[in-house]
Protein backbone atom coordinates (compact mmCIF):
# COMPACT_ATOMS: atom_id res chain seq x y z
CA TYR A 1 -109.39 55.25 44.85
CA TYR A 2 -107.69 51.84 44.87
CA PHE A 3 -109.74 50.62 41.89
CA LYS A 4 -108.88 53.62 39.74
CA VAL A 5 -107.90 52.72 36.17
CA ASP A 6 -104.42 54.22 35.94
CA GLU A 7 -101.50 53.58 33.61
CA THR A 8 -100.47 50.48 35.56
CA VAL A 9 -103.95 49.01 35.25
CA MET A 10 -104.01 49.64 31.50
CA THR A 11 -100.70 47.81 31.21
CA LEU A 12 -102.02 44.89 33.26
CA LEU A 13 -105.24 44.60 31.28
CA GLN A 14 -103.46 44.31 27.94
CA GLY A 15 -104.10 40.88 26.50
CA VAL A 16 -106.85 40.00 29.02
CA LYS A 17 -109.92 39.05 26.99
CA GLU A 18 -112.52 37.58 29.35
CA ASN A 19 -114.55 40.09 31.37
CA HIS A 20 -114.40 38.06 34.58
CA ASN A 21 -110.61 37.90 34.28
CA LYS A 22 -110.42 41.69 33.78
CA ALA A 23 -112.57 42.21 36.86
CA GLY A 24 -110.53 39.71 38.89
CA LEU A 25 -107.24 41.32 37.89
CA LEU A 26 -108.43 44.81 38.80
CA LEU A 27 -109.86 43.56 42.10
CA GLN A 28 -106.57 41.95 43.04
CA TYR A 29 -104.63 45.06 42.04
CA GLY A 30 -106.91 47.29 44.14
CA TYR A 31 -106.67 45.02 47.17
CA PHE A 32 -102.90 44.81 46.76
CA LYS A 33 -102.53 48.60 46.61
CA ALA A 34 -104.67 48.93 49.75
CA SER A 35 -103.07 46.22 51.90
CA GLY A 36 -100.00 44.78 50.18
CA LYS A 37 -101.76 41.41 50.27
CA PHE A 38 -103.67 39.12 47.90
CA TYR A 39 -106.95 37.39 48.70
CA THR A 40 -108.75 34.31 47.43
CA GLN A 41 -111.93 34.63 45.36
CA ASN A 42 -114.26 33.80 48.25
CA LEU A 43 -113.07 36.95 50.05
CA PHE A 44 -113.89 39.31 47.17
CA LYS A 45 -116.70 41.63 48.28
CA PRO A 46 -119.85 41.68 46.09
CA SER A 47 -119.99 45.49 46.43
CA ASP A 48 -116.42 45.73 45.08
CA ILE A 49 -117.28 43.46 42.15
CA LYS A 50 -120.24 45.69 41.24
CA PHE A 51 -118.04 48.77 41.50
CA ILE A 52 -115.45 47.20 39.18
CA GLU A 53 -118.17 46.52 36.62
CA LYS A 54 -118.91 50.26 36.49
CA VAL A 55 -115.24 51.26 36.43
CA ILE A 56 -114.22 49.15 33.41
CA GLY A 57 -117.68 49.01 31.80
CA VAL A 58 -118.05 45.25 31.70
CA SER A 59 -120.64 42.82 33.00
CA VAL A 60 -119.55 40.00 35.27
CA SER A 61 -121.72 36.90 35.62
CA LYS A 62 -123.10 35.80 38.97
CA ASP A 63 -120.78 32.78 39.06
CA PHE A 64 -117.75 35.10 38.91
CA ASN A 65 -115.95 33.30 41.78
CA LYS A 66 -116.17 30.00 39.89
CA ARG A 67 -115.17 31.36 36.51
CA TYR A 68 -112.20 33.33 37.88
CA ILE A 69 -110.23 30.17 38.57
CA ASP A 70 -107.36 29.91 41.03
CA ARG A 71 -104.74 29.28 38.34
CA THR A 72 -105.64 32.57 36.67
CA ARG A 73 -105.69 34.34 40.03
CA GLN A 74 -102.15 33.13 40.80
CA LYS A 75 -100.98 34.19 37.32
CA HIS A 76 -102.42 37.66 37.91
CA ARG A 77 -100.81 37.83 41.36
CA LEU A 78 -97.35 37.28 39.87
CA LEU A 79 -98.07 39.76 37.10
CA ILE A 80 -99.09 42.46 39.62
CA LEU A 81 -96.01 41.83 41.75
CA GLU A 82 -93.71 42.11 38.75
CA THR A 83 -95.40 45.23 37.38
CA CYS A 84 -95.34 46.97 40.79
CA GLY A 85 -91.74 45.99 41.52
CA TYR A 86 -92.50 43.72 44.48
CA ILE A 87 -90.92 40.44 45.57
CA GLU A 88 -92.90 37.26 46.19
CA PHE A 89 -93.03 36.40 49.90
CA THR A 90 -91.85 32.83 49.28
CA SER A 91 -88.60 34.24 47.86
CA ALA A 92 -87.98 36.22 51.06
CA GLU A 93 -89.46 33.82 53.61
CA THR A 94 -86.08 32.58 54.92
CA LEU A 95 -84.86 36.14 55.56
CA PHE A 96 -88.22 37.04 57.08
CA THR A 97 -88.03 34.10 59.50
CA GLN A 98 -84.52 35.11 60.54
CA ARG A 99 -85.74 38.67 61.15
CA VAL A 100 -88.56 37.35 63.36
CA GLU A 101 -86.06 35.29 65.32
CA ASN A 102 -83.86 38.36 65.90
CA LEU A 103 -86.79 40.50 67.04
CA VAL A 104 -88.04 37.78 69.38
CA ALA A 105 -84.55 37.58 70.89
CA GLN A 106 -84.91 41.30 71.66
CA GLN A 107 -88.03 40.35 73.69
CA MET A 108 -90.33 42.69 71.80
CA HIS A 109 -94.05 42.53 72.59
CA PRO A 110 -95.79 40.21 70.05
CA ARG A 111 -98.32 42.84 68.95
CA LYS A 112 -95.64 45.50 68.44
CA LEU A 113 -93.46 42.95 66.64
CA PHE A 114 -96.34 41.99 64.33
CA TYR A 115 -96.97 45.56 63.15
CA LEU A 116 -93.24 46.23 62.79
CA LEU A 117 -92.91 43.20 60.50
CA ILE A 118 -95.81 44.40 58.33
CA GLU A 119 -94.19 47.83 58.03
CA GLU A 120 -90.81 46.32 57.11
CA LEU A 121 -92.37 44.13 54.41
CA ARG A 122 -94.03 47.20 52.89
CA ASN A 123 -90.83 49.26 53.01
CA LYS A 124 -88.81 46.47 51.38
CA ARG A 125 -91.54 45.97 48.74
CA ILE A 126 -92.16 42.37 49.67
CA GLU A 127 -95.57 40.74 49.29
CA ILE A 128 -97.39 40.53 52.63
CA PRO A 129 -98.58 36.97 53.30
CA SER A 130 -101.73 36.08 55.19
CA TYR A 131 -101.79 37.27 58.78
CA ASP A 132 -102.25 33.64 59.80
CA LYS A 133 -98.90 32.73 58.26
CA ILE A 134 -97.12 35.62 59.98
CA SER A 135 -98.78 34.67 63.26
CA ARG A 136 -97.65 31.05 62.94
CA ILE A 137 -94.02 32.06 62.28
CA VAL A 138 -94.00 34.54 65.18
CA THR A 139 -95.66 32.04 67.53
CA GLU A 140 -93.15 29.34 66.62
CA LYS A 141 -90.19 31.63 67.36
CA PHE A 142 -91.77 32.86 70.59
CA ASN A 143 -92.29 29.29 71.76
CA ILE A 144 -88.61 28.55 71.14
CA PHE A 145 -87.58 31.70 73.03
CA GLU A 146 -89.95 30.95 75.91
CA LYS A 147 -88.63 27.38 76.13
CA SER A 148 -85.11 28.70 76.70
CA VAL A 149 -86.36 31.20 79.32
CA LEU A 150 -88.28 28.41 81.07
CA GLN A 151 -85.15 26.28 81.22
CA GLU A 152 -83.29 29.20 82.77
CA THR A 153 -86.11 29.61 85.30
CA VAL A 154 -85.79 25.94 86.24
CA ASP A 155 -82.06 26.40 86.83
CA ILE A 156 -82.21 29.53 89.01
CA ILE A 157 -85.43 29.50 91.03
CA THR A 158 -85.15 28.19 94.60
CA PRO A 159 -87.66 26.10 96.58
CA THR A 160 -88.38 29.10 98.83
CA GLN A 161 -89.16 31.28 95.83
CA ARG A 162 -91.40 28.60 94.32
CA GLU A 163 -93.31 28.35 97.58
CA ALA A 164 -93.77 32.13 97.71
CA LEU A 165 -95.22 32.12 94.19
CA ASP A 166 -97.46 29.13 94.91
CA GLN A 167 -99.00 31.10 97.78
CA LEU A 168 -100.30 33.65 95.29
CA VAL A 169 -102.68 31.23 93.60
CA CYS A 170 -103.40 28.69 96.33
CA ASN A 171 -106.90 28.51 97.75
CA THR A 172 -107.39 28.21 101.51
CA GLY A 173 -110.55 26.18 101.04
CA GLU A 174 -112.80 28.84 102.55
CA TYR A 175 -115.39 29.94 100.01
CA TYR A 176 -115.28 33.56 101.19
CA GLN A 177 -111.49 33.91 100.88
CA ARG A 178 -110.06 34.68 97.49
CA PRO A 179 -106.48 33.79 96.47
CA LEU A 180 -103.94 36.50 97.26
CA LEU A 181 -103.23 37.16 93.57
CA THR A 182 -106.82 38.34 93.03
CA GLN A 183 -106.32 41.00 95.70
CA LEU A 184 -102.94 42.10 94.32
CA LYS A 185 -104.24 42.63 90.78
CA SER A 186 -106.26 45.64 91.91
CA ILE A 187 -104.61 49.08 91.96
CA ASN A 188 -106.79 51.83 93.44
CA GLN A 189 -105.62 55.44 93.21
CA SER A 190 -108.27 56.84 95.53
CA LEU A 191 -107.05 59.36 98.14
CA ARG A 192 -109.57 58.22 100.75
CA PRO A 193 -107.73 57.06 103.90
CA ARG A 194 -109.36 53.61 103.90
CA LYS A 195 -108.48 53.01 100.24
CA ILE A 196 -104.93 54.26 100.80
CA ARG A 197 -104.43 51.83 103.69
CA HIS A 198 -105.74 48.93 101.58
CA GLY A 199 -103.51 49.92 98.66
CA MET A 200 -100.43 50.26 100.87
CA LEU A 201 -101.03 46.76 102.23
CA ASN A 202 -101.02 45.38 98.67
CA PHE A 203 -97.89 47.35 97.81
CA LEU A 204 -96.02 46.07 100.86
CA ILE A 205 -96.91 42.47 99.94
CA ILE A 206 -95.70 43.00 96.37
CA LYS A 207 -92.57 44.75 97.65
CA LYS A 208 -91.75 41.80 99.90
CA LEU A 209 -92.27 39.36 97.03
CA PHE A 210 -90.15 41.55 94.73
CA GLN A 211 -87.29 41.48 97.24
CA GLU A 212 -87.68 37.71 97.58
CA LEU A 213 -87.60 37.22 93.80
CA GLN A 214 -85.02 39.88 92.94
CA SER A 215 -82.27 37.36 92.18
CA VAL A 216 -84.52 35.58 89.65
CA ILE A 217 -85.62 38.88 88.08
CA LYS A 218 -82.02 40.01 87.61
CA LYS A 219 -80.83 36.71 86.11
CA LEU A 220 -83.77 36.37 83.72
CA ASP A 221 -83.25 40.00 82.63
CA LEU A 222 -86.52 40.17 80.74
CA SER A 223 -87.10 43.25 78.60
CA VAL A 224 -89.81 45.76 79.51
CA ASP A 225 -91.97 44.48 76.65
CA ALA A 226 -91.57 40.82 77.64
CA THR A 227 -92.32 41.62 81.30
CA LYS A 228 -95.47 43.54 80.30
CA TYR A 229 -96.57 40.71 78.03
CA TYR A 230 -96.30 37.99 80.69
CA ALA A 231 -97.71 40.23 83.43
CA GLY A 232 -100.60 41.24 81.18
CA TRP A 233 -101.53 37.61 80.68
CA ILE A 234 -101.64 37.10 84.46
CA VAL A 235 -103.85 40.18 84.92
CA LYS A 236 -106.37 38.99 82.31
CA ALA A 237 -106.37 35.30 83.25
CA LYS A 238 -108.57 33.69 85.85
CA ILE A 239 -106.94 32.09 88.87
CA THR A 240 -108.06 28.67 87.66
CA GLN A 241 -106.33 29.23 84.31
CA ILE A 242 -103.10 30.15 86.06
CA ALA A 243 -103.27 27.26 88.50
CA ASP A 244 -104.02 24.80 85.69
CA ILE A 245 -100.85 25.56 83.72
CA VAL A 246 -99.32 22.11 83.28
CA GLU A 247 -95.71 23.28 83.31
CA PRO A 248 -95.17 24.78 86.81
CA HIS A 249 -92.09 26.78 85.80
CA LYS A 250 -94.11 28.49 83.10
CA ARG A 251 -96.49 29.61 85.84
CA TYR A 252 -93.53 30.78 87.93
CA LEU A 253 -92.13 32.75 84.97
CA TYR A 254 -95.42 34.57 84.41
CA LEU A 255 -95.87 35.29 88.13
CA VAL A 256 -92.31 36.61 88.47
CA ALA A 257 -92.98 38.99 85.58
CA PHE A 258 -96.24 40.07 87.23
CA ILE A 259 -94.51 40.91 90.53
CA ASP A 260 -91.71 42.78 88.73
CA HIS A 261 -94.16 44.77 86.59
CA TYR A 262 -96.60 45.58 89.40
CA TYR A 263 -93.85 46.64 91.79
CA LYS A 264 -92.79 49.30 89.28
CA ILE A 265 -96.39 50.31 88.57
CA TRP A 266 -97.04 50.73 92.30
CA GLN A 267 -93.98 52.96 92.65
CA ASP A 268 -95.29 55.25 89.91
CA THR A 269 -98.79 55.12 91.40
CA LEU A 270 -97.62 56.14 94.88
CA VAL A 271 -95.65 59.09 93.48
CA ASP A 272 -98.73 60.16 91.54
CA MET A 273 -100.94 59.83 94.63
CA LEU A 274 -98.44 61.88 96.68
CA LEU A 275 -98.42 64.68 94.11
CA ARG A 276 -102.21 64.66 93.90
CA ASN A 277 -102.50 64.76 97.69
CA VAL A 278 -100.07 67.70 97.94
CA GLN A 279 -102.03 69.54 95.24
CA GLN A 280 -105.26 68.79 97.06
CA GLN A 281 -103.84 70.23 100.31
CA LEU A 282 -102.60 73.33 98.47
CA ASN A 283 -106.04 73.81 96.93
CA ASN A 284 -107.65 73.49 100.38
CA ALA A 285 -105.19 75.99 101.85
CA ASN A 286 -105.86 78.48 99.03
CA LYS A 287 -109.60 78.04 99.51
CA LYS A 288 -109.32 78.77 103.26
CA LEU A 289 -107.11 81.79 102.55
CA ASP A 290 -109.71 83.13 100.10
CA ASN A 291 -112.42 82.70 102.74
CA VAL A 292 -110.35 84.59 105.33
CA VAL A 293 -109.73 87.43 102.86
CA LYS A 294 -113.44 87.58 102.02
CA GLU A 295 -114.32 87.74 105.75
CA LYS A 296 -111.89 90.64 106.25
CA ILE A 297 -113.21 92.67 103.31
CA PRO A 298 -116.09 94.33 105.29
CA ASP A 299 -113.67 95.47 108.02
CA LYS A 300 -111.25 96.69 105.38
CA ASN A 301 -114.02 98.63 103.66
CA LYS A 302 -115.06 100.24 106.97
CA LEU A 303 -111.48 101.31 107.64
CA THR A 304 -111.13 102.73 104.14
CA HIS A 305 -114.43 104.61 104.51
CA SER A 306 -113.29 106.03 107.85
CA VAL A 307 -109.98 107.23 106.38
CA LEU A 308 -111.72 108.83 103.40
CA LEU A 309 -114.32 110.49 105.66
CA GLY A 310 -111.56 111.93 107.85
CA PHE A 311 -109.80 113.26 104.76
CA ASP A 312 -113.00 114.91 103.54
CA ASN A 313 -113.61 116.57 106.93
CA THR A 314 -110.05 117.88 107.05
CA LYS A 315 -110.33 119.24 103.49
CA SER A 316 -113.60 121.01 104.36
CA LYS A 317 -112.00 122.74 107.37
CA VAL A 318 -109.01 123.82 105.27
CA ASP A 319 -111.35 125.27 102.65
CA LEU A 320 -113.21 127.28 105.32
CA VAL A 321 -109.95 128.77 106.52
């Protein structure tokens, strides 16, 4: 589909004499239509090259990647952009960087931000650069944002709050005792009494920490996406990775987000467990009621039979009269 020879392709191929240049131009055009991006020769797929040979009826030598030189590739890239009405990324890079900075300031999750940027580039008909370049720009702006949040954390967190967070990752020295954070990461929605008691203990610990850290949470005012991002890192990371963070206030920031996020998750979980438990009790009650009704059916049938028999006897006597 993307390598179809349409009117645009015919326009592009005008004046291109060498077969390998025709193939390279059509390959780039097909890739651009599919992804909005351009690729270097070493990323061209052999199967696509063979397909192009059939489409335009030319033969491409085995050393195609060497013969289709980079200067020609760049010339074709600009030609495709101009023909398709797109803007070179370098011409829009300053505006793109400013847009990233604005989105980061809104504390959007990096993954969501990444896909939003790709969509905006497509909608504005701007060439999509390599994902590595986008990632580097986003990472740079996130680091700047995080640096400012870390400085705010330094200014507002108290020694008592730091100590409470340190307790989450500290090791008692006993090989059989895991750090408290490992225990708190687990959320079990089982309705078994023993599991409920264990879960409630974790919730009460998180609730106490949430109340202790509430002033920090309010002043940082992290967005839902930013809180999920930092909390998600804590959930996936090993205790050693968390403890080894060189900048202690970065560790505190991530742990504060974890407590905030998990406190809200536990609230939703407890409501869900309550509703499930009520439904379970209703189902049990309905089941017992059905059993009682089934047990009474024989007696009910006997009574009905007796009434019908009496009616028949009465009718017979009336008929005789």
